[in-house]
mmCIF file of all heavy atoms, coordinates in Angstrom:
data_MODEL
# 
_entry.id   MODEL 
# 
loop_
_atom_site.group_PDB 
_atom_site.id 
_atom_site.type_symbol 
_atom_site.label_atom_id 
_atom_site.label_alt_id 
_atom_site.label_comp_id 
_atom_site.label_asym_id 
_atom_site.label_entity_id 
_atom_site.label_seq_id 
_atom_site.pdbx_PDB_ins_code 
_atom_site.Cartn_x 
_atom_site.Cartn_y 
_atom_site.Cartn_z 
_atom_site.occupancy 
_atom_site.B_iso_or_equiv 
_atom_site.pdbx_formal_charge 
_atom_site.auth_seq_id 
_atom_site.auth_comp_id 
_atom_site.auth_asym_id 
_atom_site.auth_atom_id 
_atom_site.pdbx_PDB_model_num 
ATOM 1   N N   . SER A 1 1  ? 3.781  -18.823 -11.655 1.00 0.00 ? 1  SER A N   1 
ATOM 2   C CA  . SER A 1 1  ? 3.222  -17.505 -11.944 1.00 0.00 ? 1  SER A CA  1 
ATOM 3   C C   . SER A 1 1  ? 4.286  -16.428 -11.916 1.00 0.00 ? 1  SER A C   1 
ATOM 4   O O   . SER A 1 1  ? 4.388  -15.607 -12.828 1.00 0.00 ? 1  SER A O   1 
ATOM 5   C CB  . SER A 1 1  ? 2.131  -17.142 -10.944 1.00 0.00 ? 1  SER A CB  1 
ATOM 6   O OG  . SER A 1 1  ? 1.062  -18.034 -11.022 1.00 0.00 ? 1  SER A OG  1 
ATOM 7   N N   . PHE A 1 2  ? 5.079  -16.427 -10.851 1.00 0.00 ? 2  PHE A N   1 
ATOM 8   C CA  . PHE A 1 2  ? 6.097  -15.371 -10.706 1.00 0.00 ? 2  PHE A CA  1 
ATOM 9   C C   . PHE A 1 2  ? 7.245  -15.543 -11.695 1.00 0.00 ? 2  PHE A C   1 
ATOM 10  O O   . PHE A 1 2  ? 7.792  -14.566 -12.187 1.00 0.00 ? 2  PHE A O   1 
ATOM 11  C CB  . PHE A 1 2  ? 6.594  -15.287 -9.280  1.00 0.00 ? 2  PHE A CB  1 
ATOM 12  C CG  . PHE A 1 2  ? 5.668  -14.551 -8.364  1.00 0.00 ? 2  PHE A CG  1 
ATOM 13  C CD1 . PHE A 1 2  ? 4.992  -15.193 -7.344  1.00 0.00 ? 2  PHE A CD1 1 
ATOM 14  C CD2 . PHE A 1 2  ? 5.372  -13.213 -8.583  1.00 0.00 ? 2  PHE A CD2 1 
ATOM 15  C CE1 . PHE A 1 2  ? 4.106  -14.517 -6.528  1.00 0.00 ? 2  PHE A CE1 1 
ATOM 16  C CE2 . PHE A 1 2  ? 4.497  -12.510 -7.763  1.00 0.00 ? 2  PHE A CE2 1 
ATOM 17  C CZ  . PHE A 1 2  ? 3.844  -13.172 -6.731  1.00 0.00 ? 2  PHE A CZ  1 
ATOM 18  N N   . ASN A 1 3  ? 7.569  -16.801 -12.052 1.00 0.00 ? 3  ASN A N   1 
ATOM 19  C CA  . ASN A 1 3  ? 8.597  -16.999 -13.051 1.00 0.00 ? 3  ASN A CA  1 
ATOM 20  C C   . ASN A 1 3  ? 8.119  -16.498 -14.414 1.00 0.00 ? 3  ASN A C   1 
ATOM 21  O O   . ASN A 1 3  ? 8.907  -15.904 -15.165 1.00 0.00 ? 3  ASN A O   1 
ATOM 22  C CB  . ASN A 1 3  ? 9.012  -18.466 -13.118 1.00 0.00 ? 3  ASN A CB  1 
ATOM 23  C CG  . ASN A 1 3  ? 9.929  -18.845 -11.972 1.00 0.00 ? 3  ASN A CG  1 
ATOM 24  O OD1 . ASN A 1 3  ? 10.502 -17.990 -11.309 1.00 0.00 ? 3  ASN A OD1 1 
ATOM 25  N ND2 . ASN A 1 3  ? 10.070 -20.117 -11.736 1.00 0.00 ? 3  ASN A ND2 1 
ATOM 26  N N   . SER A 1 4  ? 6.838  -16.724 -14.727 1.00 0.00 ? 4  SER A N   1 
ATOM 27  C CA  . SER A 1 4  ? 6.293  -16.213 -15.997 1.00 0.00 ? 4  SER A CA  1 
ATOM 28  C C   . SER A 1 4  ? 6.332  -14.707 -15.998 1.00 0.00 ? 4  SER A C   1 
ATOM 29  O O   . SER A 1 4  ? 6.699  -14.080 -17.026 1.00 0.00 ? 4  SER A O   1 
ATOM 30  C CB  . SER A 1 4  ? 4.860  -16.686 -16.158 1.00 0.00 ? 4  SER A CB  1 
ATOM 31  O OG  . SER A 1 4  ? 4.804  -18.070 -16.298 1.00 0.00 ? 4  SER A OG  1 
ATOM 32  N N   . LEU A 1 5  ? 5.979  -14.105 -14.905 1.00 0.00 ? 5  LEU A N   1 
ATOM 33  C CA  . LEU A 1 5  ? 6.007  -12.653 -14.811 1.00 0.00 ? 5  LEU A CA  1 
ATOM 34  C C   . LEU A 1 5  ? 7.426  -12.110 -14.943 1.00 0.00 ? 5  LEU A C   1 
ATOM 35  O O   . LEU A 1 5  ? 7.677  -11.127 -15.659 1.00 0.00 ? 5  LEU A O   1 
ATOM 36  C CB  . LEU A 1 5  ? 5.401  -12.214 -13.465 1.00 0.00 ? 5  LEU A CB  1 
ATOM 37  C CG  . LEU A 1 5  ? 5.064  -10.758 -13.255 1.00 0.00 ? 5  LEU A CG  1 
ATOM 38  C CD1 . LEU A 1 5  ? 4.240  -10.177 -14.401 1.00 0.00 ? 5  LEU A CD1 1 
ATOM 39  C CD2 . LEU A 1 5  ? 4.336  -10.560 -11.944 1.00 0.00 ? 5  LEU A CD2 1 
ATOM 40  N N   . LEU A 1 6  ? 8.383  -12.801 -14.314 1.00 0.00 ? 6  LEU A N   1 
ATOM 41  C CA  . LEU A 1 6  ? 9.796  -12.398 -14.419 1.00 0.00 ? 6  LEU A CA  1 
ATOM 42  C C   . LEU A 1 6  ? 10.263 -12.524 -15.873 1.00 0.00 ? 6  LEU A C   1 
ATOM 43  O O   . LEU A 1 6  ? 10.995 -11.651 -16.381 1.00 0.00 ? 6  LEU A O   1 
ATOM 44  C CB  . LEU A 1 6  ? 10.679 -13.274 -13.548 1.00 0.00 ? 6  LEU A CB  1 
ATOM 45  C CG  . LEU A 1 6  ? 10.949 -12.799 -12.140 1.00 0.00 ? 6  LEU A CG  1 
ATOM 46  C CD1 . LEU A 1 6  ? 11.872 -13.759 -11.414 1.00 0.00 ? 6  LEU A CD1 1 
ATOM 47  C CD2 . LEU A 1 6  ? 11.529 -11.391 -12.113 1.00 0.00 ? 6  LEU A CD2 1 
ATOM 48  N N   . ASP A 1 7  ? 9.880  -13.607 -16.557 1.00 0.00 ? 7  ASP A N   1 
ATOM 49  C CA  . ASP A 1 7  ? 10.268 -13.777 -17.960 1.00 0.00 ? 7  ASP A CA  1 
ATOM 50  C C   . ASP A 1 7  ? 9.718  -12.619 -18.817 1.00 0.00 ? 7  ASP A C   1 
ATOM 51  O O   . ASP A 1 7  ? 10.427 -12.119 -19.689 1.00 0.00 ? 7  ASP A O   1 
ATOM 52  C CB  . ASP A 1 7  ? 9.706  -15.104 -18.517 1.00 0.00 ? 7  ASP A CB  1 
ATOM 53  C CG  . ASP A 1 7  ? 10.427 -16.309 -17.947 1.00 0.00 ? 7  ASP A CG  1 
ATOM 54  O OD1 . ASP A 1 7  ? 11.532 -16.131 -17.374 1.00 0.00 ? 7  ASP A OD1 1 
ATOM 55  O OD2 . ASP A 1 7  ? 9.919  -17.433 -18.098 1.00 0.00 ? 7  ASP A OD2 1 
ATOM 56  N N   . GLU A 1 8  ? 8.505  -12.201 -18.531 1.00 0.00 ? 8  GLU A N   1 
ATOM 57  C CA  . GLU A 1 8  ? 7.902  -11.110 -19.266 1.00 0.00 ? 8  GLU A CA  1 
ATOM 58  C C   . GLU A 1 8  ? 8.670  -9.791  -18.992 1.00 0.00 ? 8  GLU A C   1 
ATOM 59  O O   . GLU A 1 8  ? 8.970  -9.033  -19.907 1.00 0.00 ? 8  GLU A O   1 
ATOM 60  C CB  . GLU A 1 8  ? 6.440  -10.973 -18.889 1.00 0.00 ? 8  GLU A CB  1 
ATOM 61  C CG  . GLU A 1 8  ? 5.654  -9.986  -19.727 1.00 0.00 ? 8  GLU A CG  1 
ATOM 62  C CD  . GLU A 1 8  ? 5.523  -10.395 -21.201 1.00 0.00 ? 8  GLU A CD  1 
ATOM 63  O OE1 . GLU A 1 8  ? 5.479  -11.579 -21.475 1.00 0.00 ? 8  GLU A OE1 1 
ATOM 64  O OE2 . GLU A 1 8  ? 5.522  -9.498  -22.052 1.00 0.00 ? 8  GLU A OE2 1 
ATOM 65  N N   . ILE A 1 9  ? 8.963  -9.552  -17.730 1.00 0.00 ? 9  ILE A N   1 
ATOM 66  C CA  . ILE A 1 9  ? 9.677  -8.325  -17.355 1.00 0.00 ? 9  ILE A CA  1 
ATOM 67  C C   . ILE A 1 9  ? 11.076 -8.289  -17.979 1.00 0.00 ? 9  ILE A C   1 
ATOM 68  O O   . ILE A 1 9  ? 11.588 -7.228  -18.348 1.00 0.00 ? 9  ILE A O   1 
ATOM 69  C CB  . ILE A 1 9  ? 9.781  -8.239  -15.818 1.00 0.00 ? 9  ILE A CB  1 
ATOM 70  C CG1 . ILE A 1 9  ? 8.413  -7.881  -15.226 1.00 0.00 ? 9  ILE A CG1 1 
ATOM 71  C CG2 . ILE A 1 9  ? 10.797 -7.220  -15.363 1.00 0.00 ? 9  ILE A CG2 1 
ATOM 72  C CD1 . ILE A 1 9  ? 8.351  -7.953  -13.712 1.00 0.00 ? 9  ILE A CD1 1 
ATOM 73  N N   . LYS A 1 10 ? 11.707 -9.467  -18.125 1.00 0.00 ? 10 LYS A N   1 
ATOM 74  C CA  . LYS A 1 10 ? 13.055 -9.535  -18.672 1.00 0.00 ? 10 LYS A CA  1 
ATOM 75  C C   . LYS A 1 10 ? 13.047 -9.625  -20.198 1.00 0.00 ? 10 LYS A C   1 
ATOM 76  O O   . LYS A 1 10 ? 14.124 -9.692  -20.809 1.00 0.00 ? 10 LYS A O   1 
ATOM 77  C CB  . LYS A 1 10 ? 13.795 -10.750 -18.104 1.00 0.00 ? 10 LYS A CB  1 
ATOM 78  C CG  . LYS A 1 10 ? 13.829 -10.786 -16.579 1.00 0.00 ? 10 LYS A CG  1 
ATOM 79  C CD  . LYS A 1 10 ? 14.954 -9.993  -16.010 1.00 0.00 ? 10 LYS A CD  1 
ATOM 80  C CE  . LYS A 1 10 ? 15.048 -10.120 -14.515 1.00 0.00 ? 10 LYS A CE  1 
ATOM 81  N NZ  . LYS A 1 10 ? 14.702 -8.936  -13.781 1.00 0.00 ? 10 LYS A NZ  1 
ATOM 82  N N   . SER A 1 11 ? 11.866 -9.632  -20.807 1.00 0.00 ? 11 SER A N   1 
ATOM 83  C CA  . SER A 1 11 ? 11.810 -9.757  -22.266 1.00 0.00 ? 11 SER A CA  1 
ATOM 84  C C   . SER A 1 11 ? 12.446 -8.540  -22.953 1.00 0.00 ? 11 SER A C   1 
ATOM 85  O O   . SER A 1 11 ? 12.516 -7.448  -22.388 1.00 0.00 ? 11 SER A O   1 
ATOM 86  C CB  . SER A 1 11 ? 10.360 -9.906  -22.725 1.00 0.00 ? 11 SER A CB  1 
ATOM 87  O OG  . SER A 1 11 ? 9.651  -8.705  -22.574 1.00 0.00 ? 11 SER A OG  1 
ATOM 88  N N   . SER A 1 12 ? 12.887 -8.727  -24.186 1.00 0.00 ? 12 SER A N   1 
ATOM 89  C CA  . SER A 1 12 ? 13.579 -7.646  -24.910 1.00 0.00 ? 12 SER A CA  1 
ATOM 90  C C   . SER A 1 12 ? 12.656 -6.448  -25.131 1.00 0.00 ? 12 SER A C   1 
ATOM 91  O O   . SER A 1 12 ? 13.083 -5.292  -25.080 1.00 0.00 ? 12 SER A O   1 
ATOM 92  C CB  . SER A 1 12 ? 14.136 -8.148  -26.211 1.00 0.00 ? 12 SER A CB  1 
ATOM 93  O OG  . SER A 1 12 ? 13.092 -8.614  -27.060 1.00 0.00 ? 12 SER A OG  1 
ATOM 94  N N   . ARG A 1 13 ? 11.369 -6.719  -25.360 1.00 0.00 ? 13 ARG A N   1 
ATOM 95  C CA  . ARG A 1 13 ? 10.384 -5.649  -25.594 1.00 0.00 ? 13 ARG A CA  1 
ATOM 96  C C   . ARG A 1 13 ? 10.329 -4.739  -24.370 1.00 0.00 ? 13 ARG A C   1 
ATOM 97  O O   . ARG A 1 13 ? 10.398 -3.503  -24.484 1.00 0.00 ? 13 ARG A O   1 
ATOM 98  C CB  . ARG A 1 13 ? 9.025  -6.278  -25.886 1.00 0.00 ? 13 ARG A CB  1 
ATOM 99  C CG  . ARG A 1 13 ? 7.902  -5.295  -26.136 1.00 0.00 ? 13 ARG A CG  1 
ATOM 100 C CD  . ARG A 1 13 ? 6.606  -6.044  -26.490 1.00 0.00 ? 13 ARG A CD  1 
ATOM 101 N NE  . ARG A 1 13 ? 6.118  -6.819  -25.371 1.00 0.00 ? 13 ARG A NE  1 
ATOM 102 C CZ  . ARG A 1 13 ? 5.101  -6.430  -24.589 1.00 0.00 ? 13 ARG A CZ  1 
ATOM 103 N NH1 . ARG A 1 13 ? 4.479  -5.282  -24.837 1.00 0.00 ? 13 ARG A NH1 1 
ATOM 104 N NH2 . ARG A 1 13 ? 4.688  -7.153  -23.579 1.00 0.00 ? 13 ARG A NH2 1 
ATOM 105 N N   . VAL A 1 14 ? 10.176 -5.331  -23.196 1.00 0.00 ? 14 VAL A N   1 
ATOM 106 C CA  . VAL A 1 14 ? 10.093 -4.548  -21.974 1.00 0.00 ? 14 VAL A CA  1 
ATOM 107 C C   . VAL A 1 14 ? 11.401 -3.856  -21.692 1.00 0.00 ? 14 VAL A C   1 
ATOM 108 O O   . VAL A 1 14 ? 11.416 -2.660  -21.345 1.00 0.00 ? 14 VAL A O   1 
ATOM 109 C CB  . VAL A 1 14 ? 9.670  -5.446  -20.776 1.00 0.00 ? 14 VAL A CB  1 
ATOM 110 C CG1 . VAL A 1 14 ? 9.745  -4.687  -19.474 1.00 0.00 ? 14 VAL A CG1 1 
ATOM 111 C CG2 . VAL A 1 14 ? 8.250  -6.003  -20.993 1.00 0.00 ? 14 VAL A CG2 1 
ATOM 112 N N   . LYS A 1 15 ? 12.519 -4.528  -21.928 1.00 0.00 ? 15 LYS A N   1 
ATOM 113 C CA  . LYS A 1 15 ? 13.840 -3.918  -21.671 1.00 0.00 ? 15 LYS A CA  1 
ATOM 114 C C   . LYS A 1 15 ? 14.035 -2.681  -22.564 1.00 0.00 ? 15 LYS A C   1 
ATOM 115 O O   . LYS A 1 15 ? 14.596 -1.674  -22.107 1.00 0.00 ? 15 LYS A O   1 
ATOM 116 C CB  . LYS A 1 15 ? 14.964 -4.934  -21.916 1.00 0.00 ? 15 LYS A CB  1 
ATOM 117 C CG  . LYS A 1 15 ? 15.138 -5.888  -20.785 1.00 0.00 ? 15 LYS A CG  1 
ATOM 118 C CD  . LYS A 1 15 ? 16.332 -6.811  -21.037 1.00 0.00 ? 15 LYS A CD  1 
ATOM 119 C CE  . LYS A 1 15 ? 16.606 -7.679  -19.816 1.00 0.00 ? 15 LYS A CE  1 
ATOM 120 N NZ  . LYS A 1 15 ? 17.752 -8.549  -20.050 1.00 0.00 ? 15 LYS A NZ  1 
ATOM 121 N N   . LYS A 1 16 ? 13.588 -2.772  -23.809 1.00 0.00 ? 16 LYS A N   1 
ATOM 122 C CA  . LYS A 1 16 ? 13.707 -1.623  -24.713 1.00 0.00 ? 16 LYS A CA  1 
ATOM 123 C C   . LYS A 1 16 ? 12.923 -0.441  -24.200 1.00 0.00 ? 16 LYS A C   1 
ATOM 124 O O   . LYS A 1 16 ? 13.409 0.690   -24.203 1.00 0.00 ? 16 LYS A O   1 
ATOM 125 C CB  . LYS A 1 16 ? 13.233 -2.010  -26.111 1.00 0.00 ? 16 LYS A CB  1 
ATOM 126 C CG  . LYS A 1 16 ? 14.207 -2.862  -26.883 1.00 0.00 ? 16 LYS A CG  1 
ATOM 127 C CD  . LYS A 1 16 ? 13.617 -3.276  -28.229 1.00 0.00 ? 16 LYS A CD  1 
ATOM 128 C CE  . LYS A 1 16 ? 14.490 -4.359  -28.894 1.00 0.00 ? 16 LYS A CE  1 
ATOM 129 N NZ  . LYS A 1 16 ? 13.843 -4.965  -30.057 1.00 0.00 ? 16 LYS A NZ  1 
ATOM 130 N N   . ILE A 1 17 ? 11.714 -0.705  -23.796 1.00 0.00 ? 17 ILE A N   1 
ATOM 131 C CA  . ILE A 1 17 ? 10.846 0.391   -23.276 1.00 0.00 ? 17 ILE A CA  1 
ATOM 132 C C   . ILE A 1 17 ? 11.467 1.013   -22.037 1.00 0.00 ? 17 ILE A C   1 
ATOM 133 O O   . ILE A 1 17 ? 11.522 2.247   -21.912 1.00 0.00 ? 17 ILE A O   1 
ATOM 134 C CB  . ILE A 1 17 ? 9.422  -0.137  -23.004 1.00 0.00 ? 17 ILE A CB  1 
ATOM 135 C CG1 . ILE A 1 17 ? 8.747  -0.490  -24.336 1.00 0.00 ? 17 ILE A CG1 1 
ATOM 136 C CG2 . ILE A 1 17 ? 8.607  0.892   -22.209 1.00 0.00 ? 17 ILE A CG2 1 
ATOM 137 C CD1 . ILE A 1 17 ? 7.425  -1.190  -24.194 1.00 0.00 ? 17 ILE A CD1 1 
ATOM 138 N N   . ILE A 1 18 ? 11.970 0.204   -21.120 1.00 0.00 ? 18 ILE A N   1 
ATOM 139 C CA  . ILE A 1 18 ? 12.592 0.706   -19.905 1.00 0.00 ? 18 ILE A CA  1 
ATOM 140 C C   . ILE A 1 18 ? 13.839 1.515   -20.238 1.00 0.00 ? 18 ILE A C   1 
ATOM 141 O O   . ILE A 1 18 ? 14.048 2.566   -19.665 1.00 0.00 ? 18 ILE A O   1 
ATOM 142 C CB  . ILE A 1 18 ? 12.900 -0.461  -18.907 1.00 0.00 ? 18 ILE A CB  1 
ATOM 143 C CG1 . ILE A 1 18 ? 11.626 -1.178  -18.469 1.00 0.00 ? 18 ILE A CG1 1 
ATOM 144 C CG2 . ILE A 1 18 ? 13.713 0.037   -17.717 1.00 0.00 ? 18 ILE A CG2 1 
ATOM 145 C CD1 . ILE A 1 18 ? 10.555 -0.285  -17.832 1.00 0.00 ? 18 ILE A CD1 1 
ATOM 146 N N   . SER A 1 19 ? 14.645 1.050   -21.196 1.00 0.00 ? 19 SER A N   1 
ATOM 147 C CA  . SER A 1 19 ? 15.855 1.806   -21.537 1.00 0.00 ? 19 SER A CA  1 
ATOM 148 C C   . SER A 1 19 ? 15.502 3.167   -22.189 1.00 0.00 ? 19 SER A C   1 
ATOM 149 O O   . SER A 1 19 ? 16.197 4.157   -21.969 1.00 0.00 ? 19 SER A O   1 
ATOM 150 C CB  . SER A 1 19 ? 16.804 0.981   -22.421 1.00 0.00 ? 19 SER A CB  1 
ATOM 151 O OG  . SER A 1 19 ? 16.190 0.693   -23.658 1.00 0.00 ? 19 SER A OG  1 
ATOM 152 N N   . ILE A 1 20 ? 14.448 3.189   -22.970 1.00 0.00 ? 20 ILE A N   1 
ATOM 153 C CA  . ILE A 1 20 ? 13.986 4.486   -23.566 1.00 0.00 ? 20 ILE A CA  1 
ATOM 154 C C   . ILE A 1 20 ? 13.574 5.422   -22.458 1.00 0.00 ? 20 ILE A C   1 
ATOM 155 O O   . ILE A 1 20 ? 13.933 6.614   -22.441 1.00 0.00 ? 20 ILE A O   1 
ATOM 156 C CB  . ILE A 1 20 ? 12.838 4.263   -24.564 1.00 0.00 ? 20 ILE A CB  1 
ATOM 157 C CG1 . ILE A 1 20 ? 13.362 3.524   -25.806 1.00 0.00 ? 20 ILE A CG1 1 
ATOM 158 C CG2 . ILE A 1 20 ? 12.186 5.578   -24.950 1.00 0.00 ? 20 ILE A CG2 1 
ATOM 159 C CD1 . ILE A 1 20 ? 12.260 2.996   -26.722 1.00 0.00 ? 20 ILE A CD1 1 
ATOM 160 N N   . LEU A 1 21 ? 12.821 4.879   -21.471 1.00 0.00 ? 21 LEU A N   1 
ATOM 161 C CA  . LEU A 1 21 ? 12.378 5.716   -20.345 1.00 0.00 ? 21 LEU A CA  1 
ATOM 162 C C   . LEU A 1 21 ? 13.565 6.141   -19.470 1.00 0.00 ? 21 LEU A C   1 
ATOM 163 O O   . LEU A 1 21 ? 13.537 7.235   -18.903 1.00 0.00 ? 21 LEU A O   1 
ATOM 164 C CB  . LEU A 1 21 ? 11.311 4.988   -19.521 1.00 0.00 ? 21 LEU A CB  1 
ATOM 165 C CG  . LEU A 1 21 ? 9.970  4.793   -20.236 1.00 0.00 ? 21 LEU A CG  1 
ATOM 166 C CD1 . LEU A 1 21 ? 8.978  4.024   -19.372 1.00 0.00 ? 21 LEU A CD1 1 
ATOM 167 C CD2 . LEU A 1 21 ? 9.369  6.115   -20.674 1.00 0.00 ? 21 LEU A CD2 1 
ATOM 168 N N   . GLN A 1 22 ? 14.577 5.296   -19.356 1.00 0.00 ? 22 GLN A N   1 
ATOM 169 C CA  . GLN A 1 22 ? 15.792 5.705   -18.632 1.00 0.00 ? 22 GLN A CA  1 
ATOM 170 C C   . GLN A 1 22 ? 16.470 6.865   -19.329 1.00 0.00 ? 22 GLN A C   1 
ATOM 171 O O   . GLN A 1 22 ? 16.888 7.831   -18.671 1.00 0.00 ? 22 GLN A O   1 
ATOM 172 C CB  . GLN A 1 22 ? 16.739 4.516   -18.491 1.00 0.00 ? 22 GLN A CB  1 
ATOM 173 C CG  . GLN A 1 22 ? 16.338 3.534   -17.452 1.00 0.00 ? 22 GLN A CG  1 
ATOM 174 C CD  . GLN A 1 22 ? 17.201 2.272   -17.442 1.00 0.00 ? 22 GLN A CD  1 
ATOM 175 O OE1 . GLN A 1 22 ? 17.771 1.893   -18.455 1.00 0.00 ? 22 GLN A OE1 1 
ATOM 176 N NE2 . GLN A 1 22 ? 17.267 1.623   -16.288 1.00 0.00 ? 22 GLN A NE2 1 
ATOM 177 N N   . ALA A 1 23 ? 16.561 6.775   -20.647 1.00 0.00 ? 23 ALA A N   1 
ATOM 178 C CA  . ALA A 1 23 ? 17.190 7.872   -21.412 1.00 0.00 ? 23 ALA A CA  1 
ATOM 179 C C   . ALA A 1 23 ? 16.399 9.149   -21.254 1.00 0.00 ? 23 ALA A C   1 
ATOM 180 O O   . ALA A 1 23 ? 16.980 10.256  -21.224 1.00 0.00 ? 23 ALA A O   1 
ATOM 181 C CB  . ALA A 1 23 ? 17.311 7.468   -22.875 1.00 0.00 ? 23 ALA A CB  1 
ATOM 182 N N   . ALA A 1 24 ? 15.067 9.029   -21.137 1.00 0.00 ? 24 ALA A N   1 
ATOM 183 C CA  . ALA A 1 24 ? 14.203 10.203  -20.987 1.00 0.00 ? 24 ALA A CA  1 
ATOM 184 C C   . ALA A 1 24 ? 14.103 10.648  -19.511 1.00 0.00 ? 24 ALA A C   1 
ATOM 185 O O   . ALA A 1 24 ? 13.383 11.595  -19.201 1.00 0.00 ? 24 ALA A O   1 
ATOM 186 C CB  . ALA A 1 24 ? 12.830 9.898   -21.549 1.00 0.00 ? 24 ALA A CB  1 
ATOM 187 N N   . ARG A 1 25 ? 14.775 9.942   -18.639 1.00 0.00 ? 25 ARG A N   1 
ATOM 188 C CA  . ARG A 1 25 ? 14.746 10.212  -17.194 1.00 0.00 ? 25 ARG A CA  1 
ATOM 189 C C   . ARG A 1 25 ? 13.306 10.250  -16.647 1.00 0.00 ? 25 ARG A C   1 
ATOM 190 O O   . ARG A 1 25 ? 12.924 11.173  -15.916 1.00 0.00 ? 25 ARG A O   1 
ATOM 191 C CB  . ARG A 1 25 ? 15.481 11.530  -16.867 1.00 0.00 ? 25 ARG A CB  1 
ATOM 192 C CG  . ARG A 1 25 ? 16.928 11.560  -17.270 1.00 0.00 ? 25 ARG A CG  1 
ATOM 193 C CD  . ARG A 1 25 ? 17.639 12.704  -16.561 1.00 0.00 ? 25 ARG A CD  1 
ATOM 194 N NE  . ARG A 1 25 ? 18.960 12.998  -17.081 1.00 0.00 ? 25 ARG A NE  1 
ATOM 195 C CZ  . ARG A 1 25 ? 20.040 12.232  -16.943 1.00 0.00 ? 25 ARG A CZ  1 
ATOM 196 N NH1 . ARG A 1 25 ? 19.951 11.073  -16.372 1.00 0.00 ? 25 ARG A NH1 1 
ATOM 197 N NH2 . ARG A 1 25 ? 21.223 12.627  -17.425 1.00 0.00 ? 25 ARG A NH2 1 
ATOM 198 N N   . SER A 1 26 ? 12.567 9.232   -16.995 1.00 0.00 ? 26 SER A N   1 
ATOM 199 C CA  . SER A 1 26 ? 11.161 9.131   -16.578 1.00 0.00 ? 26 SER A CA  1 
ATOM 200 C C   . SER A 1 26 ? 11.055 8.873   -15.071 1.00 0.00 ? 26 SER A C   1 
ATOM 201 O O   . SER A 1 26 ? 11.809 8.089   -14.503 1.00 0.00 ? 26 SER A O   1 
ATOM 202 C CB  . SER A 1 26 ? 10.473 7.996   -17.332 1.00 0.00 ? 26 SER A CB  1 
ATOM 203 O OG  . SER A 1 26 ? 9.201  7.767   -16.815 1.00 0.00 ? 26 SER A OG  1 
ATOM 204 N N   . LYS A 1 27 ? 10.076 9.510   -14.469 1.00 0.00 ? 27 LYS A N   1 
ATOM 205 C CA  . LYS A 1 27 ? 9.823  9.348   -13.040 1.00 0.00 ? 27 LYS A CA  1 
ATOM 206 C C   . LYS A 1 27 ? 9.120  8.016   -12.719 1.00 0.00 ? 27 LYS A C   1 
ATOM 207 O O   . LYS A 1 27 ? 9.098  7.596   -11.577 1.00 0.00 ? 27 LYS A O   1 
ATOM 208 C CB  . LYS A 1 27 ? 9.033  10.520  -12.507 1.00 0.00 ? 27 LYS A CB  1 
ATOM 209 C CG  . LYS A 1 27 ? 9.817  11.836  -12.573 1.00 0.00 ? 27 LYS A CG  1 
ATOM 210 C CD  . LYS A 1 27 ? 9.100  12.945  -11.852 1.00 0.00 ? 27 LYS A CD  1 
ATOM 211 C CE  . LYS A 1 27 ? 9.753  14.305  -11.902 1.00 0.00 ? 27 LYS A CE  1 
ATOM 212 N NZ  . LYS A 1 27 ? 11.066 14.418  -12.473 1.00 0.00 ? 27 LYS A NZ  1 
ATOM 213 N N   . THR A 1 28 ? 8.550  7.370   -13.717 1.00 0.00 ? 28 THR A N   1 
ATOM 214 C CA  . THR A 1 28 ? 7.840  6.109   -13.478 1.00 0.00 ? 28 THR A CA  1 
ATOM 215 C C   . THR A 1 28 ? 8.824  4.971   -13.170 1.00 0.00 ? 28 THR A C   1 
ATOM 216 O O   . THR A 1 28 ? 8.407  3.935   -12.632 1.00 0.00 ? 28 THR A O   1 
ATOM 217 C CB  . THR A 1 28 ? 6.975  5.714   -14.683 1.00 0.00 ? 28 THR A CB  1 
ATOM 218 O OG1 . THR A 1 28 ? 7.828  5.600   -15.842 1.00 0.00 ? 28 THR A OG1 1 
ATOM 219 C CG2 . THR A 1 28 ? 5.855  6.657   -14.922 1.00 0.00 ? 28 THR A CG2 1 
ATOM 220 N N   . LEU A 1 29 ? 10.093 5.174   -13.483 1.00 0.00 ? 29 LEU A N   1 
ATOM 221 C CA  . LEU A 1 29 ? 11.068 4.087   -13.309 1.00 0.00 ? 29 LEU A CA  1 
ATOM 222 C C   . LEU A 1 29 ? 11.295 3.756   -11.856 1.00 0.00 ? 29 LEU A C   1 
ATOM 223 O O   . LEU A 1 29 ? 11.653 2.601   -11.521 1.00 0.00 ? 29 LEU A O   1 
ATOM 224 C CB  . LEU A 1 29 ? 12.374 4.434   -14.010 1.00 0.00 ? 29 LEU A CB  1 
ATOM 225 C CG  . LEU A 1 29 ? 12.319 4.415   -15.535 1.00 0.00 ? 29 LEU A CG  1 
ATOM 226 C CD1 . LEU A 1 29 ? 13.635 4.774   -16.136 1.00 0.00 ? 29 LEU A CD1 1 
ATOM 227 C CD2 . LEU A 1 29 ? 11.829 3.054   -16.044 1.00 0.00 ? 29 LEU A CD2 1 
# 
């Protein structure tokens, strides 16, 4: 279960969203 969740978190889609939010200095990060 946790490995699947980690795979999802490390996916390119999630990484792109997180990098956009980093650029926007989002507080959710």
